[in-house]
Amino acid sequence: MALAGRRIAVIGGGITGLATAHAALAHQARPQTVVFESDDRTGGKIRTSAFGGHPAIDEGPDAFLARLPWGTNLARAVGLGDQLVTPTTGSAAVWWDALHPIPDALLLGLPTEVVALARSPLISWPGKLRAATEPLRPRTSTAADSLGAFVRARFGDEVHLRLVDPLIGSIYAADTDHFSLAAVPQIAELANSARSVLLAGRKAKARSVAVAGPVFFAPLGGMGALTAATADALTSAGHEIRLNTRVTEVTPDGGRWRVNGEQFDSVVLACPAAAAARLLANAVPAAAEKVAQIPTADVAMVCLAVPSSTWPSRLAGLSGYLVPKPKQQLVTAVSFGSQKWAQWHLDDSVLLRVSLGRNGLAVLHLTDEHLVAAAVEEVGRHLRLDVQPSVVRISRWPGAFPQYRPHHAALVAAASSALPPGVVLAGASYHGIGVPACIRSGQAALDVACKSAQALAD
């Protein structure tokens, strides 16, 4: 049943907020949405701009997981289905005093084949022997909900420090010793379904290999093309996006809600947790207190255009590398962007995206000059290369990565249960980091908001 005249406020114009509003286009209730965005653009942590002679190089995420349907489906819905491309290489390395190829037969860093791990020089023989005993160990409790504690208990410190923590830590900018196991569903499922994670992981890996298809997708014009096309679809359908509009008020109004003085039937808080806590502080202090407990990590991205004439052939075919915490100074990961993506290729330059900072490793207090110097020095040392970039770009991302502490899901459930009808939380702070998870969260939030609006109509 259409909700004639019903309005839903969406606070936040990142991918979550845009997906929330876009879901209204196909929802049977057909409400009108207004997206409030404090910045002068939509997209949030997704931003694509010109760099090094290329018109579209991502400053934030450069892809989304193809196996999760929400990103692919949204791209197709906004007309980008025939523009989705995949990486040209998936070959990456870990830097531990030298570049070591990531071993085969891993599942988010967890070994699924002892033989493949044994062949890798990244792990010492004592570390390999410790990991090989995993099938013999008794079941490990998941009650502590610590990813790091669980992996260390099953496979030992080396597998955790040199494989799992670099891989998962780079995805979430996290210290996985202080990160929720339940927040990594693939590993949590193995942990809860079988005594031996290695044996269960072998079966899961075999199933994933049997399912053909790419691992990652990205629009040909960069991830910014996805947010731009979604925003265009909204405005073309008559929905509003208000840029440069900071929301200062979310107040109950006789069963409805007042946002910056306007009445709405429901409100979706598709903004970071800190902003949501501020907006809820007066109206719903119990929920605000819970939401405010979700911490974040700051990161910086330094892009370097390195002359092709200085780039060694020994690095051809690599998509990049990860730096484990014991070896980190400021750099945590490096993507060889123009080797990873064919559409980023330039004849005269190799484009590198250097990630700096994570939870527990602050970087945003540093000057641009310091960040560039660290990126150039550390990458040069890692690659045994005199890095002399012709162009650099610094992207600063404060609060970019919510940190899912152990029992994060219980905290979010408590915050959500404290909210009255008509207010819904959505986004990376709560329901999963990554573009598909944010889209899914926004779509689910729109459905809840419509049900609240329908209850008012009834």
Foldseek 3Di string as FASTA:
>chain_A
DALVPAEEEEEAQALLSLLLLLLLVPDPNNHFYEYEAQAQDGHAQWDFADDDNRGTDTFHDFWFFPVQCQVQVLCVVLPQNVQKDFWPFPWAFAFDVATWTQFPCDDLLQHQDLVSVVPTPQADPVQSVQQVCLVVDFQDDCVQQQQLVRCCVRRNDSSVQGGNCLRVCVQQLDRRRFFGNVQVVVQVCLSPPDRRSNNVSNVVVVVVVVDDDGGIIAGLRTNVVSSVSSVVVSVVVPHHYDYSGDWQEWADDPCWTATPRDTHNFYEHADQLQSVLNHCCPHQVQLSVLSVPWAFWKKKKKKFWFFPVQDDPVCQSHQWYAYGPVRDDFWGIKGQVCRTHVSNDDPTTTMMITMTTGVVGDDPVDDPVVVVVCRQVVVCSHHVGNGDGPTMDMDIGPRNGTGHGHPLQVSLVSSQVSDDQRYHYAYRNHQHDGSSRSSVRSSVRSVSNSVSSVVVVD
